[in-house]
């Protein structure tokens, strides 16, 4: 899967939000297995949402670099495993995300879903606006990290 773009949404009075149709369509028209993994982002004030296939890859990526018999690594694993939750997603794609996850990400009512390749990010709309204001150096950062615009 290759999620992209951004979509505005609103939490309803019961604390649920609907996964945007574009992302559901990217998954083949429904959420595979009726489950998604939701992770508290370790760097930004947002939540990361993964299909179960992608989440299993994420677990392997993290755990393969750590040794649970090493005290520092064990602490990271404890934090990692306490910072995600598998949620059930009905056909309506109306998701109920745990309140402590929403609080950690500062998510209130108006939100922004953003695609980032194999994951979807969920932001409070105001927090996302603040975050995007830091993108002023995108061109130079892209050139430095990905490759320059070398002209022939």
Protein backbone atom coordinates (compact mmCIF):
# COMPACT_ATOMS: atom_id res chain seq x y z
CA UNK A 1 0.00 0.00 0.00
CA UNK A 2 1.06 3.51 -0.67
CA UNK A 3 -1.08 5.99 1.24
CA UNK A 4 -0.78 9.63 0.23
CA UNK A 5 -2.56 12.97 0.44
CA UNK A 6 -4.43 14.48 3.36
CA UNK A 7 -8.07 14.31 4.39
CA UNK A 8 -9.99 16.33 6.96
CA UNK A 9 -12.37 14.54 9.35
CA UNK A 10 -14.30 15.10 12.56
CA UNK A 11 -14.79 12.92 15.61
CA UNK A 12 -18.45 12.30 16.38
CA UNK A 13 -20.14 12.73 19.77
CA UNK A 14 -19.29 9.10 20.65
CA UNK A 15 -15.57 9.65 20.05
CA UNK A 16 -15.39 7.88 16.70
CA UNK A 17 -13.91 8.98 13.40
CA UNK A 18 -14.44 7.54 9.92
CA UNK A 19 -11.42 6.37 7.97
CA UNK A 20 -11.44 8.37 4.70
CA UNK A 21 -12.73 6.45 1.66
CA UNK A 22 -9.50 7.03 -0.31
CA UNK A 23 -7.51 5.11 2.31
CA UNK A 24 -10.15 2.37 2.51
CA UNK A 25 -10.00 2.06 -1.29
CA UNK A 26 -6.21 1.80 -1.14
CA UNK A 27 -6.77 -1.25 1.09
CA UNK A 28 -8.98 -2.84 -1.55
CA UNK A 29 -12.33 -1.43 -0.41
CA UNK A 30 -12.28 -2.63 3.18
CA UNK A 31 -9.93 -2.90 6.13
CA UNK A 32 -8.14 -6.26 5.79
CA UNK A 33 -9.23 -8.53 8.64
CA UNK A 34 -11.26 -5.72 10.19
CA UNK A 35 -8.31 -4.58 12.29
CA UNK A 36 -5.77 -1.77 12.27
CA UNK A 37 -2.81 -1.06 14.52
CA UNK A 38 -2.62 2.41 16.07
CA UNK A 39 0.74 3.61 17.37
CA UNK A 40 1.65 6.71 19.36
CA UNK A 41 4.29 8.32 17.16
CA UNK A 42 7.68 8.38 18.95
CA UNK A 43 8.71 11.70 17.35
CA UNK A 44 5.66 13.79 16.44
CA UNK A 45 2.42 14.66 18.22
CA UNK A 46 0.28 12.32 16.10
CA UNK A 47 -0.85 8.72 15.79
CA UNK A 48 0.31 6.24 13.16
CA UNK A 49 -2.20 3.79 11.71
CA UNK A 50 -1.08 0.59 10.00
CA UNK A 51 -2.76 -2.35 8.31
CA UNK A 52 -1.93 -5.55 10.17
CA UNK A 53 0.48 -6.69 7.43
CA UNK A 54 2.42 -3.44 7.68
CA UNK A 55 2.27 -3.51 11.48
CA UNK A 56 3.83 -6.97 11.57
CA UNK A 57 6.68 -5.61 9.44
CA UNK A 58 7.03 -2.67 11.86
CA UNK A 59 7.27 -5.03 14.84
CA UNK A 60 10.01 -7.03 13.10
CA UNK A 61 11.83 -3.80 12.18
CA UNK A 62 11.87 -2.63 15.81
CA UNK A 63 12.39 -5.91 17.65
CA UNK A 64 15.13 -7.20 15.36
CA UNK A 65 17.33 -4.29 16.47
CA UNK A 66 16.83 -4.88 20.19
CA UNK A 67 17.89 -7.49 22.73
CA UNK A 68 15.29 -7.93 25.47
CA UNK A 69 18.05 -9.15 27.83
CA UNK A 70 19.74 -5.75 27.63
CA UNK A 71 18.25 -3.41 30.25
CA UNK A 72 18.08 -0.34 27.97
CA UNK A 73 16.69 -2.35 25.07
CA UNK A 74 14.14 -3.98 27.37
CA UNK A 75 12.90 -0.55 28.45
CA UNK A 76 12.49 0.52 24.84
CA UNK A 77 10.53 -2.67 24.14
CA UNK A 78 8.30 -2.01 27.16
CA UNK A 79 7.56 1.48 25.91
CA UNK A 80 7.07 0.30 22.32
CA UNK A 81 4.59 -2.42 23.29
CA UNK A 82 2.67 -0.01 25.53
CA UNK A 83 2.38 2.58 22.77
CA UNK A 84 0.26 0.66 20.28
CA UNK A 85 -3.18 -0.88 20.23
CA UNK A 86 -4.94 -3.16 17.77
CA UNK A 87 -8.41 -1.80 17.09
CA UNK A 88 -11.45 -3.42 15.51
CA UNK A 89 -12.76 -1.56 12.47
CA UNK A 90 -16.32 -2.32 11.31
CA UNK A 91 -17.39 -2.18 7.65
CA UNK A 92 -18.47 1.44 8.18
CA UNK A 93 -14.79 2.23 8.98
CA UNK A 94 -15.97 4.27 11.98
CA UNK A 95 -12.95 3.85 14.27
CA UNK A 96 -12.94 4.11 18.03
CA UNK A 97 -9.41 5.07 19.09
CA UNK A 98 -8.51 4.78 22.79
CA UNK A 99 -8.87 8.04 24.71
CA UNK A 100 -5.34 7.90 26.15
CA UNK A 101 -3.97 7.73 22.59
CA UNK A 102 -6.04 10.74 21.55
CA UNK A 103 -4.92 12.67 24.61
CA UNK A 104 -1.21 11.89 24.00
CA UNK A 105 -1.52 13.23 20.44
CA UNK A 106 -3.60 16.24 21.54
CA UNK A 107 -6.45 15.14 19.27
CA UNK A 108 -9.75 16.83 19.98
CA UNK A 109 -12.57 16.97 17.41
CA UNK A 110 -11.25 18.29 14.06
CA UNK A 111 -8.51 16.06 12.67
CA UNK A 112 -6.33 15.55 9.64
CA UNK A 113 -5.49 12.14 8.19
CA UNK A 114 -2.28 12.15 6.14
CA UNK A 115 -0.84 9.33 4.05
CA UNK A 116 2.82 8.49 4.48
CA UNK A 117 3.53 5.47 2.33
CA UNK A 118 2.76 2.31 4.30
CA UNK A 119 1.04 4.16 7.14
CA UNK A 120 -1.63 6.75 7.77
CA UNK A 121 -1.02 9.50 10.30
CA UNK A 122 -3.78 11.05 12.40
CA UNK A 123 -3.28 14.59 13.69
CA UNK A 124 -5.28 17.17 15.57
CA UNK A 125 -6.06 19.72 12.81
CA UNK A 126 -4.42 22.63 14.66
CA UNK A 127 -1.33 20.57 15.50
CA UNK A 128 -1.02 19.53 11.85
CA UNK A 129 -1.20 23.16 10.75
CA UNK A 130 1.60 24.05 13.16
CA UNK A 131 3.64 21.05 12.00
CA UNK A 132 3.37 21.99 8.32
CA UNK A 133 4.59 25.52 9.02
CA UNK A 134 8.02 23.98 9.67
CA UNK A 135 8.24 22.78 6.06
CA UNK A 136 9.88 25.95 4.74
CA UNK A 137 13.18 24.15 4.07
CA UNK A 138 11.63 21.18 2.20
CA UNK A 139 13.62 21.68 -1.02
CA UNK A 140 17.03 21.88 0.65
CA UNK A 141 16.23 19.05 3.05
CA UNK A 142 14.98 16.87 0.18
CA UNK A 143 18.14 17.59 -1.80
CA UNK A 144 20.37 16.76 1.16
CA UNK A 145 18.62 13.55 2.22
CA UNK A 146 17.27 12.16 -1.05
CA UNK A 147 19.36 13.66 -3.80
CA UNK A 148 19.92 17.00 -5.39
CA UNK A 149 18.48 18.56 -8.46
CA UNK A 150 21.71 18.29 -10.37
CA UNK A 151 21.34 19.97 -13.68
CA UNK A 152 23.08 18.48 -16.70
